[in-house]
Amino acid sequence: MKIIADLHIHGRYSRATSKKLDIESLEKYARIKGIDLMGTGDFTHPEWIQELRKELTENGSGILKTKTGFNFILQTEVSLIYTQAEKGRRVHIILLAPNFETVDKITNYFKSKGRVDYDGRPIFKISCIQIVKDMRLISKKIEIIPAHIWTPWFGLLGSKSGFDSVEEAFGD
């Protein structure tokens, strides 16, 4: 089965996004562009998650549906800025969650580390290694993906991120 997906988006509560952005618009333009599956973006943001809960229905598969049957997967991005091996590290991570229950646990985890309400992509002082350990404690079904891996400032292998390999960032 061929699926064309965009799993790295943002909602309207992220910096530099349209304030008119909503699930209906995302679906409309995804259909126009031939995309079959969209990430929701920013599920840790309190106002955006309310909209997601209102607009999307779970069926237990991990794929949520709009009222017209379009496919979404619960997705967010977080910015990790920390020190490892005496070097500053900057990495953006995409998280995919299987359901709203898991999203609530992820959001509560991040709330214990800082704020999630000021931007759709919140910033935390957590290492890549720690984020994997902590997300696995929440659910083995959480997918963890380095975002825009080659961009200079926050891509895992970008020239300013501090890492030269996936292993260096994530360990074993």
N, C-alpha and C. Protein backbone atom coordinates (compact mmCIF):
# COMPACT_ATOMS: atom_id res chain seq x y z
N MET A 1 0.84 -1.17 0.00
CA MET A 1 0.00 0.00 0.00
C MET A 1 0.89 1.25 0.00
N LYS A 2 0.64 2.17 -0.90
CA LYS A 2 1.39 3.41 -0.99
C LYS A 2 0.64 4.51 -0.23
N ILE A 3 1.37 5.17 0.68
CA ILE A 3 0.80 6.28 1.45
C ILE A 3 1.72 7.48 1.30
N ILE A 4 1.15 8.59 0.92
CA ILE A 4 1.92 9.84 0.87
C ILE A 4 1.55 10.62 2.13
N ALA A 5 2.56 10.92 2.95
CA ALA A 5 2.31 11.52 4.25
C ALA A 5 3.17 12.75 4.48
N ASP A 6 2.66 13.65 5.29
CA ASP A 6 3.42 14.77 5.83
C ASP A 6 3.29 14.67 7.35
N LEU A 7 4.34 14.24 7.99
CA LEU A 7 4.29 13.98 9.43
C LEU A 7 5.03 15.04 10.24
N HIS A 8 5.31 16.18 9.63
CA HIS A 8 6.00 17.25 10.33
C HIS A 8 5.34 18.58 9.97
N ILE A 9 4.30 18.91 10.70
CA ILE A 9 3.60 20.17 10.48
C ILE A 9 3.44 20.89 11.81
N HIS A 10 2.86 22.06 11.75
CA HIS A 10 2.54 22.83 12.95
C HIS A 10 1.12 23.36 12.85
N GLY A 11 0.52 23.57 14.01
CA GLY A 11 -0.79 24.19 14.09
C GLY A 11 -0.65 25.70 14.18
N ARG A 12 -1.75 26.37 14.34
CA ARG A 12 -1.73 27.84 14.32
C ARG A 12 -1.15 28.48 15.57
N TYR A 13 -0.82 27.71 16.58
CA TYR A 13 -0.24 28.26 17.80
C TYR A 13 1.29 28.24 17.77
N SER A 14 1.87 27.79 16.68
CA SER A 14 3.32 27.84 16.51
C SER A 14 3.72 29.15 15.86
N ARG A 15 4.94 29.56 16.17
CA ARG A 15 5.48 30.76 15.54
C ARG A 15 5.51 30.59 14.02
N ALA A 16 5.27 31.68 13.34
CA ALA A 16 5.41 31.76 11.87
C ALA A 16 4.44 30.83 11.13
N THR A 17 3.26 30.61 11.70
CA THR A 17 2.23 29.86 10.99
C THR A 17 0.99 30.74 10.88
N SER A 18 0.15 30.41 9.94
CA SER A 18 -1.08 31.17 9.73
C SER A 18 -2.02 31.00 10.92
N LYS A 19 -2.59 32.08 11.36
CA LYS A 19 -3.57 32.03 12.45
C LYS A 19 -4.90 31.46 11.97
N LYS A 20 -5.05 31.28 10.65
CA LYS A 20 -6.26 30.69 10.08
C LYS A 20 -6.12 29.17 9.91
N LEU A 21 -4.98 28.66 10.26
CA LEU A 21 -4.73 27.23 10.11
C LEU A 21 -5.62 26.42 11.04
N ASP A 22 -6.33 25.45 10.50
CA ASP A 22 -7.14 24.55 11.30
C ASP A 22 -7.19 23.19 10.61
N ILE A 23 -7.83 22.22 11.23
CA ILE A 23 -7.88 20.87 10.67
C ILE A 23 -8.58 20.87 9.31
N GLU A 24 -9.64 21.63 9.19
CA GLU A 24 -10.36 21.69 7.91
C GLU A 24 -9.45 22.18 6.78
N SER A 25 -8.67 23.22 7.04
CA SER A 25 -7.74 23.74 6.03
C SER A 25 -6.63 22.75 5.73
N LEU A 26 -6.10 22.12 6.76
CA LEU A 26 -5.06 21.12 6.54
C LEU A 26 -5.58 19.99 5.65
N GLU A 27 -6.77 19.53 5.94
CA GLU A 27 -7.36 18.47 5.12
C GLU A 27 -7.58 18.94 3.69
N LYS A 28 -8.15 20.12 3.52
CA LYS A 28 -8.45 20.63 2.19
C LYS A 28 -7.19 20.66 1.31
N TYR A 29 -6.12 21.24 1.83
CA TYR A 29 -4.91 21.39 1.02
C TYR A 29 -4.12 20.09 0.91
N ALA A 30 -4.22 19.23 1.89
CA ALA A 30 -3.60 17.90 1.77
C ALA A 30 -4.24 17.14 0.62
N ARG A 31 -5.56 17.18 0.53
CA ARG A 31 -6.26 16.50 -0.57
C ARG A 31 -5.86 17.09 -1.92
N ILE A 32 -5.77 18.41 -2.01
CA ILE A 32 -5.37 19.06 -3.26
C ILE A 32 -3.98 18.61 -3.68
N LYS A 33 -3.09 18.46 -2.72
CA LYS A 33 -1.69 18.13 -3.02
C LYS A 33 -1.43 16.62 -3.06
N GLY A 34 -2.45 15.81 -2.87
CA GLY A 34 -2.29 14.37 -2.99
C GLY A 34 -1.71 13.68 -1.76
N ILE A 35 -1.86 14.30 -0.61
CA ILE A 35 -1.36 13.71 0.63
C ILE A 35 -2.48 12.89 1.26
N ASP A 36 -2.13 11.68 1.71
CA ASP A 36 -3.11 10.74 2.28
C ASP A 36 -3.17 10.76 3.81
N LEU A 37 -2.06 11.18 4.44
CA LEU A 37 -1.95 11.13 5.89
C LEU A 37 -1.19 12.35 6.36
N MET A 38 -1.75 13.05 7.34
CA MET A 38 -1.11 14.25 7.88
C MET A 38 -0.84 14.08 9.37
N GLY A 39 0.29 14.63 9.82
CA GLY A 39 0.50 14.80 11.24
C GLY A 39 -0.38 15.93 11.72
N THR A 40 -0.74 15.89 12.98
CA THR A 40 -1.59 16.96 13.53
C THR A 40 -0.79 18.20 13.88
N GLY A 41 0.48 18.01 14.18
CA GLY A 41 1.30 19.11 14.68
C GLY A 41 0.93 19.46 16.11
N ASP A 42 1.90 19.80 16.89
CA ASP A 42 1.76 20.55 18.15
C ASP A 42 0.78 19.99 19.19
N PHE A 43 0.70 18.67 19.33
CA PHE A 43 -0.32 18.14 20.24
C PHE A 43 -0.09 18.48 21.71
N THR A 44 1.08 19.00 22.07
CA THR A 44 1.28 19.40 23.47
C THR A 44 0.67 20.76 23.78
N HIS A 45 0.34 21.55 22.76
CA HIS A 45 -0.21 22.88 23.02
C HIS A 45 -1.65 22.76 23.51
N PRO A 46 -2.00 23.38 24.65
CA PRO A 46 -3.32 23.18 25.26
C PRO A 46 -4.51 23.60 24.40
N GLU A 47 -4.38 24.67 23.65
CA GLU A 47 -5.51 25.10 22.81
C GLU A 47 -5.64 24.24 21.56
N TRP A 48 -4.50 23.87 20.98
CA TRP A 48 -4.54 23.05 19.76
C TRP A 48 -5.07 21.65 20.07
N ILE A 49 -4.69 21.06 21.19
CA ILE A 49 -5.17 19.70 21.51
C ILE A 49 -6.69 19.71 21.71
N GLN A 50 -7.23 20.79 22.23
CA GLN A 50 -8.69 20.89 22.35
C GLN A 50 -9.35 20.82 20.98
N GLU A 51 -8.78 21.52 20.01
CA GLU A 51 -9.32 21.48 18.65
C GLU A 51 -9.17 20.08 18.05
N LEU A 52 -8.03 19.45 18.28
CA LEU A 52 -7.82 18.11 17.74
C LEU A 52 -8.84 17.13 18.31
N ARG A 53 -9.09 17.21 19.60
CA ARG A 53 -10.08 16.32 20.22
C ARG A 53 -11.48 16.54 19.65
N LYS A 54 -11.78 17.78 19.33
CA LYS A 54 -13.10 18.13 18.77
C LYS A 54 -13.24 17.66 17.33
N GLU A 55 -12.17 17.76 16.55
CA GLU A 55 -12.24 17.53 15.11
C GLU A 55 -11.88 16.11 14.66
N LEU A 56 -11.19 15.35 15.50
CA LEU A 56 -10.70 14.03 15.09
C LEU A 56 -11.27 12.92 15.95
N THR A 57 -11.51 11.77 15.32
CA THR A 57 -12.07 10.62 16.00
C THR A 57 -11.08 9.46 15.99
N GLU A 58 -10.92 8.83 17.14
CA GLU A 58 -10.04 7.66 17.26
C GLU A 58 -10.83 6.39 16.96
N ASN A 59 -10.14 5.40 16.37
CA ASN A 59 -10.77 4.10 16.17
C ASN A 59 -9.90 2.95 16.69
N GLY A 60 -8.81 3.29 17.40
CA GLY A 60 -7.93 2.28 17.97
C GLY A 60 -6.78 1.87 17.06
N SER A 61 -6.74 2.39 15.84
CA SER A 61 -5.69 2.00 14.89
C SER A 61 -4.45 2.89 14.98
N GLY A 62 -4.55 4.03 15.67
CA GLY A 62 -3.47 5.00 15.68
C GLY A 62 -3.67 6.08 14.62
N ILE A 63 -4.58 5.84 13.69
CA ILE A 63 -4.92 6.82 12.67
C ILE A 63 -6.26 7.44 13.07
N LEU A 64 -6.28 8.76 13.17
CA LEU A 64 -7.50 9.47 13.52
C LEU A 64 -8.17 9.97 12.25
N LYS A 65 -9.47 10.16 12.32
CA LYS A 65 -10.26 10.55 11.14
C LYS A 65 -10.99 11.86 11.40
N THR A 66 -11.07 12.65 10.32
CA THR A 66 -11.93 13.83 10.35
C THR A 66 -13.37 13.38 10.10
N LYS A 67 -14.30 14.31 10.16
CA LYS A 67 -15.70 13.99 9.88
C LYS A 67 -15.90 13.46 8.47
N THR A 68 -15.02 13.85 7.55
CA THR A 68 -15.11 13.37 6.16
C THR A 68 -14.21 12.19 5.88
N GLY A 69 -13.53 11.67 6.91
CA GLY A 69 -12.74 10.46 6.76
C GLY A 69 -11.28 10.64 6.40
N PHE A 70 -10.76 11.88 6.46
CA PHE A 70 -9.35 12.09 6.15
C PHE A 70 -8.49 11.61 7.33
N ASN A 71 -7.30 11.11 7.02
CA ASN A 71 -6.41 10.49 8.01
C ASN A 71 -5.40 11.47 8.62
N PHE A 72 -5.34 11.45 9.94
CA PHE A 72 -4.33 12.19 10.70
C PHE A 72 -3.69 11.26 11.71
N ILE A 73 -2.44 11.60 12.08
CA ILE A 73 -1.76 10.90 13.17
C ILE A 73 -1.31 11.97 14.17
N LEU A 74 -1.43 11.66 15.44
CA LEU A 74 -1.06 12.62 16.49
C LEU A 74 0.45 12.85 16.46
N GLN A 75 0.83 14.11 16.28
CA GLN A 75 2.23 14.45 16.07
C GLN A 75 2.56 15.78 16.72
N THR A 76 3.78 15.88 17.21
CA THR A 76 4.29 17.14 17.73
C THR A 76 5.77 17.23 17.47
N GLU A 77 6.31 18.42 17.64
CA GLU A 77 7.76 18.63 17.56
C GLU A 77 8.20 19.33 18.83
N VAL A 78 9.33 18.93 19.37
CA VAL A 78 9.91 19.61 20.53
C VAL A 78 11.35 19.99 20.19
N SER A 79 11.79 21.05 20.80
CA SER A 79 13.15 21.53 20.64
C SER A 79 13.94 21.16 21.88
N LEU A 80 15.06 20.46 21.68
CA LEU A 80 15.92 20.06 22.78
C LEU A 80 17.20 20.88 22.71
N ILE A 81 17.50 21.61 23.76
CA ILE A 81 18.72 22.40 23.83
C ILE A 81 19.40 22.04 25.15
N TYR A 82 20.58 21.47 25.06
CA TYR A 82 21.25 20.94 26.25
C TYR A 82 22.74 20.80 25.99
N THR A 83 23.48 20.37 27.01
CA THR A 83 24.91 20.14 26.89
C THR A 83 25.17 18.65 27.03
N GLN A 84 26.02 18.13 26.14
CA GLN A 84 26.45 16.73 26.20
C GLN A 84 27.92 16.70 25.81
N ALA A 85 28.73 16.03 26.58
CA ALA A 85 30.18 15.95 26.33
C ALA A 85 30.78 17.36 26.20
N GLU A 86 30.34 18.25 27.09
CA GLU A 86 30.83 19.62 27.18
C GLU A 86 30.60 20.45 25.91
N LYS A 87 29.63 20.05 25.10
CA LYS A 87 29.29 20.80 23.89
C LYS A 87 27.80 21.13 23.92
N GLY A 88 27.45 22.32 23.43
CA GLY A 88 26.05 22.68 23.31
C GLY A 88 25.40 21.88 22.19
N ARG A 89 24.20 21.38 22.45
CA ARG A 89 23.46 20.56 21.48
C ARG A 89 22.10 21.19 21.24
N ARG A 90 21.65 21.16 20.00
CA ARG A 90 20.34 21.71 19.62
C ARG A 90 19.71 20.76 18.61
N VAL A 91 18.62 20.13 19.01
CA VAL A 91 17.99 19.15 18.14
C VAL A 91 16.47 19.28 18.23
N HIS A 92 15.81 19.23 17.08
CA HIS A 92 14.35 19.16 17.04
C HIS A 92 13.96 17.71 16.83
N ILE A 93 12.95 17.28 17.59
CA ILE A 93 12.48 15.90 17.57
C ILE A 93 10.99 15.88 17.25
N ILE A 94 10.59 14.97 16.38
CA ILE A 94 9.18 14.72 16.10
C ILE A 94 8.74 13.54 16.95
N LEU A 95 7.58 13.65 17.57
CA LEU A 95 6.98 12.55 18.31
C LEU A 95 5.64 12.21 17.67
N LEU A 96 5.42 10.93 17.42
CA LEU A 96 4.13 10.43 16.94
C LEU A 96 3.53 9.60 18.07
N ALA A 97 2.26 9.84 18.38
CA ALA A 97 1.59 9.14 19.47
C ALA A 97 0.42 8.33 18.93
N PRO A 98 0.14 7.17 19.54
CA PRO A 98 -0.92 6.29 19.03
C PRO A 98 -2.34 6.72 19.38
N ASN A 99 -2.50 7.58 20.41
CA ASN A 99 -3.86 7.95 20.84
C ASN A 99 -3.80 9.16 21.78
N PHE A 100 -4.99 9.69 22.08
CA PHE A 100 -5.08 10.85 22.96
C PHE A 100 -4.62 10.54 24.39
N GLU A 101 -4.85 9.33 24.84
CA GLU A 101 -4.40 8.95 26.20
C GLU A 101 -2.88 9.08 26.31
N THR A 102 -2.17 8.61 25.30
CA THR A 102 -0.71 8.72 25.30
C THR A 102 -0.28 10.17 25.17
N VAL A 103 -0.98 10.95 24.35
CA VAL A 103 -0.70 12.38 24.23
C VAL A 103 -0.80 13.06 25.59
N ASP A 104 -1.81 12.73 26.36
CA ASP A 104 -1.96 13.32 27.70
C ASP A 104 -0.75 13.00 28.58
N LYS A 105 -0.27 11.78 28.51
CA LYS A 105 0.91 11.38 29.31
C LYS A 105 2.16 12.11 28.83
N ILE A 106 2.33 12.22 27.53
CA ILE A 106 3.48 12.95 26.98
C ILE A 106 3.42 14.42 27.41
N THR A 107 2.26 15.03 27.28
CA THR A 107 2.10 16.44 27.64
C THR A 107 2.37 16.64 29.13
N ASN A 108 1.87 15.76 29.98
CA ASN A 108 2.14 15.88 31.42
C ASN A 108 3.63 15.74 31.71
N TYR A 109 4.30 14.85 31.00
CA TYR A 109 5.75 14.71 31.14
C TYR A 109 6.43 16.04 30.83
N PHE A 110 6.09 16.64 29.69
CA PHE A 110 6.73 17.90 29.31
C PHE A 110 6.35 19.04 30.26
N LYS A 111 5.13 19.04 30.76
CA LYS A 111 4.74 20.06 31.74
C LYS A 111 5.60 19.97 32.99
N SER A 112 6.05 18.77 33.34
CA SER A 112 6.91 18.60 34.51
C SER A 112 8.32 19.14 34.25
N LYS A 113 8.64 19.40 32.99
CA LYS A 113 9.98 19.88 32.60
C LYS A 113 9.98 21.36 32.21
N GLY A 114 8.78 21.95 32.00
CA GLY A 114 8.71 23.34 31.56
C GLY A 114 7.33 23.67 31.03
N ARG A 115 7.26 24.71 30.23
CA ARG A 115 5.97 25.18 29.71
C ARG A 115 5.69 24.59 28.33
N VAL A 116 4.41 24.35 28.07
CA VAL A 116 3.98 23.87 26.75
C VAL A 116 2.99 24.83 26.09
N ASP A 117 2.67 25.93 26.76
CA ASP A 117 1.59 26.80 26.30
C ASP A 117 2.03 28.04 25.53
N TYR A 118 3.31 28.30 25.41
CA TYR A 118 3.77 29.53 24.78
C TYR A 118 4.05 29.39 23.29
N ASP A 119 4.23 28.17 22.81
CA ASP A 119 4.52 27.94 21.40
C ASP A 119 4.15 26.49 21.08
N GLY A 120 3.84 26.24 19.82
CA GLY A 120 3.53 24.87 19.41
C GLY A 120 4.73 23.95 19.47
N ARG A 121 5.94 24.51 19.37
CA ARG A 121 7.16 23.72 19.48
C ARG A 121 7.93 24.20 20.71
N PRO A 122 7.60 23.64 21.88
CA PRO A 122 8.25 24.09 23.11
C PRO A 122 9.71 23.63 23.19
N ILE A 123 10.46 24.30 24.04
CA ILE A 123 11.89 24.04 24.21
C ILE A 123 12.14 23.43 25.58
N PHE A 124 12.99 22.39 25.60
CA PHE A 124 13.32 21.71 26.85
C PHE A 124 14.81 21.41 26.93
N LYS A 125 15.32 21.36 28.15
CA LYS A 125 16.72 20.99 28.40
C LYS A 125 16.76 19.49 28.72
N ILE A 126 16.55 18.69 27.68
CA ILE A 126 16.50 17.23 27.81
C ILE A 126 17.35 16.67 26.67
N SER A 127 18.15 15.66 26.94
CA SER A 127 18.98 15.06 25.89
C SER A 127 18.16 14.11 25.02
N CYS A 128 18.68 13.84 23.84
CA CYS A 128 18.05 12.85 22.95
C CYS A 128 17.98 11.49 23.63
N ILE A 129 19.05 11.13 24.31
CA ILE A 129 19.08 9.84 25.01
C ILE A 129 17.99 9.78 26.07
N GLN A 130 17.85 10.85 26.84
CA GLN A 130 16.84 10.87 27.91
C GLN A 130 15.43 10.88 27.35
N ILE A 131 15.21 11.61 26.27
CA ILE A 131 13.86 11.67 25.70
C ILE A 131 13.41 10.29 25.25
N VAL A 132 14.31 9.52 24.66
CA VAL A 132 13.96 8.16 24.24
C VAL A 132 13.62 7.31 25.46
N LYS A 133 14.45 7.36 26.48
CA LYS A 133 14.18 6.57 27.70
C LYS A 133 12.82 6.94 28.30
N ASP A 134 12.57 8.23 28.41
CA ASP A 134 11.34 8.69 29.05
C ASP A 134 10.10 8.39 28.21
N MET A 135 10.20 8.56 26.91
CA MET A 135 9.05 8.25 26.04
C MET A 135 8.76 6.75 26.06
N ARG A 136 9.79 5.92 26.11
CA ARG A 136 9.58 4.46 26.17
C ARG A 136 8.90 4.04 27.47
N LEU A 137 9.14 4.79 28.54
CA LEU A 137 8.43 4.51 29.80
C LEU A 137 6.95 4.84 29.68
N ILE A 138 6.62 5.85 28.89
CA ILE A 138 5.23 6.23 28.69
C ILE A 138 4.53 5.20 27.79
N SER A 139 5.14 4.90 26.63
CA SER A 139 4.57 3.92 25.71
C SER A 139 5.62 3.50 24.69
N LYS A 140 5.70 2.22 24.47
CA LYS A 140 6.60 1.68 23.43
C LYS A 140 6.10 2.03 22.03
N LYS A 141 4.87 2.50 21.92
CA LYS A 141 4.28 2.84 20.62
C LYS A 141 4.56 4.28 20.18
N ILE A 142 5.25 5.05 21.00
CA ILE A 142 5.62 6.41 20.60
C ILE A 142 6.78 6.31 19.62
N GLU A 143 6.63 6.97 18.47
CA GLU A 143 7.72 7.03 17.49
C GLU A 143 8.50 8.32 17.71
N ILE A 144 9.82 8.22 17.68
CA ILE A 144 10.71 9.35 17.91
C ILE A 144 11.56 9.52 16.66
N ILE A 145 11.44 10.69 16.02
CA ILE A 145 12.10 10.92 14.73
C ILE A 145 12.86 12.24 14.78
N PRO A 146 14.15 12.25 14.50
CA PRO A 146 14.85 13.54 14.39
C PRO A 146 14.25 14.36 13.24
N ALA A 147 13.95 15.62 13.50
CA ALA A 147 13.30 16.48 12.50
C ALA A 147 14.35 17.15 11.61
N HIS A 148 13.95 17.44 10.38
CA HIS A 148 14.78 18.18 9.41
C HIS A 148 16.27 18.01 9.70
N ILE A 149 16.71 16.79 9.57
CA ILE A 149 18.01 16.31 10.05
C ILE A 149 19.21 17.09 9.53
N TRP A 150 19.13 17.70 8.35
CA TRP A 150 20.30 18.38 7.77
C TRP A 150 20.31 19.89 7.99
N THR A 151 19.25 20.48 8.52
CA THR A 151 19.25 21.94 8.66
C THR A 151 20.32 22.35 9.68
N PRO A 152 20.97 23.48 9.46
CA PRO A 152 22.15 23.83 10.26
C PRO A 152 21.92 23.96 11.77
N TRP A 153 20.86 24.68 12.18
CA TRP A 153 20.77 25.03 13.60
C TRP A 153 20.15 23.96 14.48
N PHE A 154 19.13 23.27 14.03
CA PHE A 154 18.44 22.32 14.90
C PHE A 154 18.28 20.94 14.29
N GLY A 155 18.89 20.68 13.15
CA GLY A 155 18.88 19.36 12.57
C GLY A 155 19.92 18.50 13.25
N LEU A 156 19.62 17.25 13.50
CA LEU A 156 20.53 16.35 14.21
C LEU A 156 21.94 16.36 13.61
N LEU A 157 22.04 16.39 12.30
CA LEU A 157 23.35 16.39 11.64
C LEU A 157 23.70 17.74 11.04
N GLY A 158 23.01 18.78 11.47
CA GLY A 158 23.29 20.12 11.00
C GLY A 158 24.60 20.65 11.55
N SER A 159 25.16 21.62 10.89
CA SER A 159 26.49 22.13 11.25
C SER A 159 26.53 22.79 12.63
N LYS A 160 25.40 23.22 13.16
CA LYS A 160 25.38 23.89 14.46
C LYS A 160 24.77 23.03 15.57
N SER A 161 24.28 21.85 15.25
CA SER A 161 23.58 21.03 16.26
C SER A 161 24.54 20.39 17.25
N GLY A 162 25.77 20.15 16.80
CA GLY A 162 26.75 19.55 17.70
C GLY A 162 27.00 18.08 17.49
N PHE A 163 26.23 17.41 16.64
CA PHE A 163 26.39 15.97 16.44
C PHE A 163 26.91 15.65 15.05
N ASP A 164 27.69 14.57 14.98
CA ASP A 164 28.21 14.09 13.70
C ASP A 164 27.61 12.75 13.31
N SER A 165 26.77 12.16 14.19
CA SER A 165 26.14 10.87 13.86
C SER A 165 24.90 10.68 14.73
N VAL A 166 24.04 9.81 14.27
CA VAL A 166 22.84 9.45 15.03
C VAL A 166 23.26 8.77 16.33
N GLU A 167 24.26 7.91 16.26
CA GLU A 167 24.73 7.19 17.45
C GLU A 167 25.26 8.16 18.52
N GLU A 168 25.97 9.19 18.09
CA GLU A 168 26.49 10.17 19.03
C GLU A 168 25.35 10.87 19.79
N ALA A 169 24.25 11.14 19.09
CA ALA A 169 23.11 11.82 19.70
C ALA A 169 22.27 10.89 20.58
N PHE A 170 21.99 9.69 20.08
CA PHE A 170 21.04 8.80 20.74
C PHE A 170 21.67 7.63 21.48
N GLY A 171 22.98 7.44 21.35
CA GLY A 171 23.62 6.30 22.00
C GLY A 171 23.16 5.01 21.35
N ASP A 172 23.06 3.96 22.15
CA ASP A 172 22.66 2.66 21.60
C ASP A 172 21.17 2.57 21.38
